[in-house]
C-alpha atoms as a PDB file:
ATOM      1  CA  MET A   1       0.000   0.000   0.000  1.00  0.00           C
ATOM      2  CA  ALA A   2       1.242   3.449  -0.845  1.00  0.00           C
ATOM      3  CA  GLU A   3       1.346   5.785   2.101  1.00  0.00           C
ATOM      4  CA  GLN A   4       1.012   9.161   0.449  1.00  0.00           C
ATOM      5  CA  GLY A   5      -0.870  11.792   2.379  1.00  0.00           C
ATOM      6  CA  ASP A   6      -0.554  15.521   2.845  1.00  0.00           C
ATOM      7  CA  ALA A   7       3.241  15.204   2.848  1.00  0.00           C
ATOM      8  CA  ALA A   8       3.152  13.777  -0.673  1.00  0.00           C
ATOM      9  CA  VAL A   9       0.839  16.537  -1.842  1.00  0.00           C
ATOM     10  CA  GLU A  10       3.137  19.152  -0.333  1.00  0.00           C
ATOM     11  CA  ALA A  11       6.201  17.801  -2.170  1.00  0.00           C
ATOM     12  CA  SER A  12       5.944  20.223  -5.074  1.00  0.00           C
ATOM     13  CA  ALA A  13       8.928  18.690  -6.847  1.00  0.00           C
ATOM     14  CA  GLU A  14       6.995  15.455  -7.427  1.00  0.00           C
ATOM     15  CA  THR A  15       3.835  14.625  -9.298  1.00  0.00           C
ATOM     16  CA  LEU A  16       1.212  12.621  -7.452  1.00  0.00           C
ATOM     17  CA  ARG A  17      -0.908  10.373  -9.684  1.00  0.00           C
ATOM     18  CA  VAL A  18      -4.188   9.100  -8.245  1.00  0.00           C
ATOM     19  CA  LEU A  19      -6.755   6.748  -9.789  1.00  0.00           C
ATOM     20  CA  PHE A  20     -10.233   7.740  -8.665  1.00  0.00           C
ATOM     21  CA  PRO A  21     -13.511   5.925  -9.412  1.00  0.00           C
ATOM     22  CA  SER A  22     -16.228   8.062 -11.010  1.00  0.00           C
ATOM     23  CA  ALA A  23     -19.608   7.686 -12.665  1.00  0.00           C
ATOM     24  CA  ILE A  24     -17.953   7.820 -16.104  1.00  0.00           C
ATOM     25  CA  GLY A  25     -15.151   5.410 -15.269  1.00  0.00           C
ATOM     26  CA  PRO A  26     -11.854   5.689 -13.429  1.00  0.00           C
ATOM     27  CA  LEU A  27     -10.164   9.080 -13.555  1.00  0.00           C
ATOM     28  CA  GLY A  28      -6.396   9.365 -13.488  1.00  0.00           C
ATOM     29  CA  ILE A  29      -5.637  12.650 -11.729  1.00  0.00           C
ATOM     30  CA  GLU A  30      -2.152  14.151 -11.756  1.00  0.00           C
ATOM     31  CA  LEU A  31      -1.289  16.712  -9.100  1.00  0.00           C
ATOM     32  CA  ARG A  32       1.730  18.884  -8.538  1.00  0.00           C
ATOM     33  CA  ASP A  33       1.522  20.396  -5.092  1.00  0.00           C
ATOM     34  CA  ARG A  34      -2.225  21.182  -4.803  1.00  0.00           C
ATOM     35  CA  THR A  35      -2.758  21.865  -8.510  1.00  0.00           C
ATOM     36  CA  ILE A  36      -4.320  19.501 -11.033  1.00  0.00           C
ATOM     37  CA  THR A  37      -2.024  19.208 -14.036  1.00  0.00           C
ATOM     38  CA  ARG A  38      -3.754  16.406 -15.957  1.00  0.00           C
ATOM     39  CA  VAL A  39      -6.900  14.265 -15.975  1.00  0.00           C
ATOM     40  CA  VAL A  40      -7.137  10.999 -17.890  1.00  0.00           C
ATOM     41  CA  ILE A  41     -10.542   9.380 -18.270  1.00  0.00           C
ATOM     42  CA  GLU A  42     -10.201   5.602 -18.047  1.00  0.00           C
ATOM     43  CA  PRO A  43      -6.420   5.264 -18.297  1.00  0.00           C
ATOM     44  CA  GLU A  44      -5.444   1.878 -19.682  1.00  0.00           C
ATOM     45  CA  GLY A  45      -2.585  -0.592 -19.539  1.00  0.00           C
ATOM     46  CA  ASP A  46       0.822   0.691 -18.549  1.00  0.00           C
ATOM     47  CA  GLU A  47      -0.489   4.214 -18.025  1.00  0.00           C
ATOM     48  CA  ARG A  48      -3.169   3.011 -15.585  1.00  0.00           C
ATOM     49  CA  ALA A  49      -0.472   1.256 -13.546  1.00  0.00           C
ATOM     50  CA  THR A  50       1.258   4.624 -12.965  1.00  0.00           C
ATOM     51  CA  PHE A  51      -1.707   5.863 -10.899  1.00  0.00           C
ATOM     52  CA  THR A  52      -2.136   4.947  -7.220  1.00  0.00           C
ATOM     53  CA  PRO A  53      -5.713   3.872  -6.423  1.00  0.00           C
ATOM     54  CA  PHE A  54      -7.391   6.461  -4.191  1.00  0.00           C
ATOM     55  CA  GLU A  55      -8.270   3.831  -1.590  1.00  0.00           C
ATOM     56  CA  ASP A  56      -4.556   3.027  -1.200  1.00  0.00           C
ATOM     57  CA  LEU A  57      -3.668   6.584  -0.162  1.00  0.00           C
ATOM     58  CA  ASP A  58      -3.186   7.328   3.512  1.00  0.00           C
ATOM     59  CA  GLY A  59      -4.815  10.254   5.305  1.00  0.00           C
ATOM     60  CA  SER A  60      -4.831  13.469   3.314  1.00  0.00           C
ATOM     61  CA  ASP A  61      -7.394  16.152   4.115  1.00  0.00           C
ATOM     62  CA  PHE A  62      -6.570  17.870   0.832  1.00  0.00           C
ATOM     63  CA  LEU A  63      -7.118  14.738  -1.269  1.00  0.00           C
ATOM     64  CA  ASP A  64     -10.300  13.896   0.639  1.00  0.00           C
ATOM     65  CA  GLU A  65     -11.591  17.394  -0.157  1.00  0.00           C
ATOM     66  CA  LEU A  66     -10.538  17.244  -3.807  1.00  0.00           C
ATOM     67  CA  PHE A  67     -12.088  13.845  -4.444  1.00  0.00           C
ATOM     68  CA  GLY A  68     -15.107  14.709  -2.324  1.00  0.00           C
ATOM     69  CA  ARG A  69     -15.784  17.619  -4.662  1.00  0.00           C
ATOM     70  CA  LEU A  70     -15.483  15.366  -7.692  1.00  0.00           C
ATOM     71  CA  SER A  71     -17.875  12.855  -6.093  1.00  0.00           C
ATOM     72  CA  GLU A  72     -20.360  15.633  -5.350  1.00  0.00           C
ATOM     73  CA  TYR A  73     -20.112  16.819  -8.963  1.00  0.00           C
ATOM     74  CA  PHE A  74     -20.856  13.342 -10.336  1.00  0.00           C
ATOM     75  CA  ALA A  75     -23.808  13.063  -7.934  1.00  0.00           C
ATOM     76  CA  GLY A  76     -25.226  16.368  -9.230  1.00  0.00           C
ATOM     77  CA  ALA A  77     -24.711  18.095  -5.881  1.00  0.00           C
ATOM     78  CA  ARG A  78     -21.827  20.408  -6.874  1.00  0.00           C
ATOM     79  CA  LYS A  79     -21.885  22.816  -9.787  1.00  0.00           C
ATOM     80  CA  ASN A  80     -18.478  24.437  -9.363  1.00  0.00           C
ATOM     81  CA  LEU A  81     -15.520  22.209  -8.590  1.00  0.00           C
ATOM     82  CA  GLU A  82     -13.446  25.156  -7.321  1.00  0.00           C
ATOM     83  CA  LEU A  83     -10.208  23.268  -7.928  1.00  0.00           C
ATOM     84  CA  ASP A  84      -6.825  24.697  -8.864  1.00  0.00           C
ATOM     85  CA  TYR A  85      -5.558  23.558 -12.249  1.00  0.00           C
ATOM     86  CA  ASP A  86      -2.699  24.545 -14.520  1.00  0.00           C
ATOM     87  CA  ILE A  87      -3.321  25.206 -18.206  1.00  0.00           C
ATOM     88  CA  LYS A  88      -0.022  27.019 -18.797  1.00  0.00           C
ATOM     89  CA  GLY A  89       1.952  24.096 -17.422  1.00  0.00           C
ATOM     90  CA  THR A  90       0.537  21.784 -20.085  1.00  0.00           C
ATOM     91  CA  GLY A  91       2.944  23.176 -22.660  1.00  0.00           C
ATOM     92  CA  LEU A  92       0.087  23.713 -25.097  1.00  0.00           C
ATOM     93  CA  PRO A  93       0.353  26.399 -27.793  1.00  0.00           C
ATOM     94  CA  ARG A  94      -1.169  29.797 -27.002  1.00  0.00           C
ATOM     95  CA  PHE A  95      -4.327  29.263 -29.089  1.00  0.00           C
ATOM     96  CA  ASP A  96      -5.013  25.949 -27.336  1.00  0.00           C
ATOM     97  CA  GLN A  97      -4.631  27.628 -23.955  1.00  0.00           C
ATOM     98  CA  LYS A  98      -7.018  30.402 -25.024  1.00  0.00           C
ATOM     99  CA  VAL A  99      -9.566  27.771 -26.084  1.00  0.00           C
ATOM    100  CA  LEU A 100      -9.315  26.015 -22.723  1.00  0.00           C
ATOM    101  CA  HIS A 101      -9.657  29.340 -20.862  1.00  0.00           C
ATOM    102  CA  GLU A 102     -12.830  30.083 -22.845  1.00  0.00           C
ATOM    103  CA  VAL A 103     -14.208  26.603 -22.175  1.00  0.00           C
ATOM    104  CA  ALA A 104     -13.530  27.017 -18.450  1.00  0.00           C
ATOM    105  CA  LYS A 105     -15.928  30.000 -18.456  1.00  0.00           C
ATOM    106  CA  ILE A 106     -18.934  27.912 -19.542  1.00  0.00           C
ATOM    107  CA  SER A 107     -21.374  27.665 -16.643  1.00  0.00           C
ATOM    108  CA  TYR A 108     -22.669  24.394 -15.252  1.00  0.00           C
ATOM    109  CA  GLY A 109     -25.546  23.034 -17.308  1.00  0.00           C
ATOM    110  CA  ARG A 110     -24.908  25.399 -20.220  1.00  0.00           C
ATOM    111  CA  THR A 111     -23.282  24.767 -23.577  1.00  0.00           C
ATOM    112  CA  ARG A 112     -21.448  26.724 -26.250  1.00  0.00           C
ATOM    113  CA  THR A 113     -20.717  25.765 -29.829  1.00  0.00           C
ATOM    114  CA  TYR A 114     -17.277  25.096 -31.249  1.00  0.00           C
ATOM    115  CA  GLN A 115     -17.836  28.199 -33.395  1.00  0.00           C
ATOM    116  CA  LYS A 116     -18.530  30.450 -30.383  1.00  0.00           C
ATOM    117  CA  ILE A 117     -15.450  29.179 -28.583  1.00  0.00           C
ATOM    118  CA  ALA A 118     -13.324  29.783 -31.711  1.00  0.00           C
ATOM    119  CA  THR A 119     -14.628  33.333 -31.965  1.00  0.00           C
ATOM    120  CA  SER A 120     -14.049  33.993 -28.245  1.00  0.00           C
ATOM    121  CA  ALA A 121     -10.497  32.629 -28.577  1.00  0.00           C
ATOM    122  CA  GLY A 122      -9.807  35.130 -31.376  1.00  0.00           C
ATOM    123  CA  HIS A 123      -9.992  32.787 -34.368  1.00  0.00           C
ATOM    124  CA  PRO A 124     -13.574  32.910 -35.754  1.00  0.00           C
ATOM    125  CA  ASP A 125     -12.804  30.453 -38.561  1.00  0.00           C
ATOM    126  CA  GLY A 126     -11.086  28.020 -36.207  1.00  0.00           C
ATOM    127  CA  TYR A 127     -13.961  25.809 -35.073  1.00  0.00           C
ATOM    128  CA  ARG A 128     -12.195  22.704 -36.407  1.00  0.00           C
ATOM    129  CA  GLN A 129      -9.072  23.643 -34.461  1.00  0.00           C
ATOM    130  CA  VAL A 130     -11.251  24.043 -31.356  1.00  0.00           C
ATOM    131  CA  LEU A 131     -12.530  20.502 -31.843  1.00  0.00           C
ATOM    132  CA  ALA A 132      -8.954  19.237 -32.144  1.00  0.00           C
ATOM    133  CA  VAL A 133      -7.926  21.071 -28.970  1.00  0.00           C
ATOM    134  CA  LEU A 134     -10.854  19.694 -26.991  1.00  0.00           C
ATOM    135  CA  VAL A 135     -10.358  16.095 -28.127  1.00  0.00           C
ATOM    136  CA  ASP A 136      -6.854  16.384 -26.605  1.00  0.00           C
ATOM    137  CA  ASN A 137      -7.934  18.410 -23.525  1.00  0.00           C
ATOM    138  CA  PRO A 138      -5.460  17.466 -20.776  1.00  0.00           C
ATOM    139  CA  LEU A 139      -7.975  18.532 -18.097  1.00  0.00           C
ATOM    140  CA  PRO A 140     -11.405  17.071 -18.972  1.00  0.00           C
ATOM    141  CA  ILE A 141     -14.118  17.510 -16.331  1.00  0.00           C
ATOM    142  CA  VAL A 142     -12.017  20.221 -14.629  1.00  0.00           C
ATOM    143  CA  VAL A 143     -12.021  22.263 -17.855  1.00  0.00           C
ATOM    144  CA  PRO A 144     -15.495  21.134 -18.980  1.00  0.00           C
ATOM    145  CA  CYS A 145     -14.991  20.445 -22.687  1.00  0.00           C
ATOM    146  CA  HIS A 146     -18.123  18.281 -22.604  1.00  0.00           C
ATOM    147  CA  ARG A 147     -20.069  21.576 -22.578  1.00  0.00           C
ATOM    148  CA  VAL A 148     -18.937  22.423 -26.116  1.00  0.00           C
ATOM    149  CA  VAL A 149     -21.301  21.134 -28.790  1.00  0.00           C
ATOM    150  CA  THR A 150     -21.574  21.230 -32.561  1.00  0.00           C
ATOM    151  CA  ASN A 151     -24.856  23.073 -32.623  1.00  0.00           C
ATOM    152  CA  LYS A 152     -28.176  23.031 -30.791  1.00  0.00           C
ATOM    153  CA  SER A 153     -29.032  19.507 -31.975  1.00  0.00           C
ATOM    154  CA  GLY A 154     -25.644  17.757 -31.941  1.00  0.00           C
ATOM    155  CA  VAL A 155     -23.280  17.000 -29.087  1.00  0.00           C
ATOM    156  CA  GLY A 156     -20.079  16.583 -31.073  1.00  0.00           C
ATOM    157  CA  SER A 157     -16.999  14.609 -30.130  1.00  0.00           C
ATOM    158  CA  TYR A 158     -15.619  13.994 -26.661  1.00  0.00           C
ATOM    159  CA  ILE A 159     -12.319  12.760 -25.346  1.00  0.00           C
ATOM    160  CA  ALA A 160     -14.112   9.862 -23.582  1.00  0.00           C
ATOM    161  CA  GLY A 161     -16.744   9.178 -26.254  1.00  0.00           C
ATOM    162  CA  LYS A 162     -20.183  10.551 -27.063  1.00  0.00           C
ATOM    163  CA  ASP A 163     -22.033   8.379 -24.530  1.00  0.00           C
ATOM    164  CA  LYS A 164     -20.057   9.842 -21.637  1.00  0.00           C
ATOM    165  CA  LYS A 165     -20.527  13.351 -23.039  1.00  0.00           C
ATOM    166  CA  LYS A 166     -24.279  12.823 -23.267  1.00  0.00           C
ATOM    167  CA  TRP A 167     -24.315  11.478 -19.711  1.00  0.00           C
ATOM    168  CA  LEU A 168     -22.450  14.540 -18.386  1.00  0.00           C
ATOM    169  CA  LEU A 169     -24.701  16.964 -20.285  1.00  0.00           C
ATOM    170  CA  LYS A 170     -27.820  15.187 -19.005  1.00  0.00           C
ATOM    171  CA  LEU A 171     -26.503  15.231 -15.424  1.00  0.00           C
ATOM    172  CA  GLU A 172     -25.867  18.960 -15.574  1.00  0.00           C
ATOM    173  CA  LYS A 173     -29.172  19.741 -17.294  1.00  0.00           C
ATOM    174  CA  GLU A 174     -31.096  17.811 -14.634  1.00  0.00           C
ATOM    175  CA  HIS A 175     -29.379  19.623 -11.754  1.00  0.00           C
ATOM    176  CA  ARG A 176     -28.748  23.042 -13.349  1.00  0.00           C
ATOM    177  CA  ASP A 177     -31.555  24.929 -11.624  1.00  0.00           C
ATOM    178  CA  GLU A 178     -31.224  23.329  -8.195  1.00  0.00           C
ATOM    179  CA  ALA A 179     -29.869  25.391  -5.323  1.00  0.00           C
ATOM    180  CA  VAL A 180     -26.174  24.874  -4.598  1.00  0.00           C
END
């Protein structure tokens, strides 16, 4: 059993990788200090083995809070994760970072089109580039790329597949107007 608690989270020189169960499958969460640097939906094979299962971690108030918020989100009880994440540290090109910043502004239970995100990111003809950025989003769920759709009748692509995207959109629509 790995014994990684608050001390491991505080060790900013190291990356902590945690595998957390969720309603859409296991999430591989990478943390540096108290900042999320990457999320992998359903990591497989060798990559999955690099994540420590959440239940194997020992006593961290920070991790309990972080994963408690994610659990509340997947239960429809939390609309804003209020988690620290790092887009700049991903090494993505400037346009990609702008796209992710625009996506992060989309409110719970709401959607925007690829075209609107492209325009907001300063490249009105770049809706295809927006799609490419979002399919490689290093921070899904935290930067809610599932909220970006093709148009009012289509959901578009998603890093974890259309079924998971539909599930997330339905969850948020059902709980959008409830009190926080």
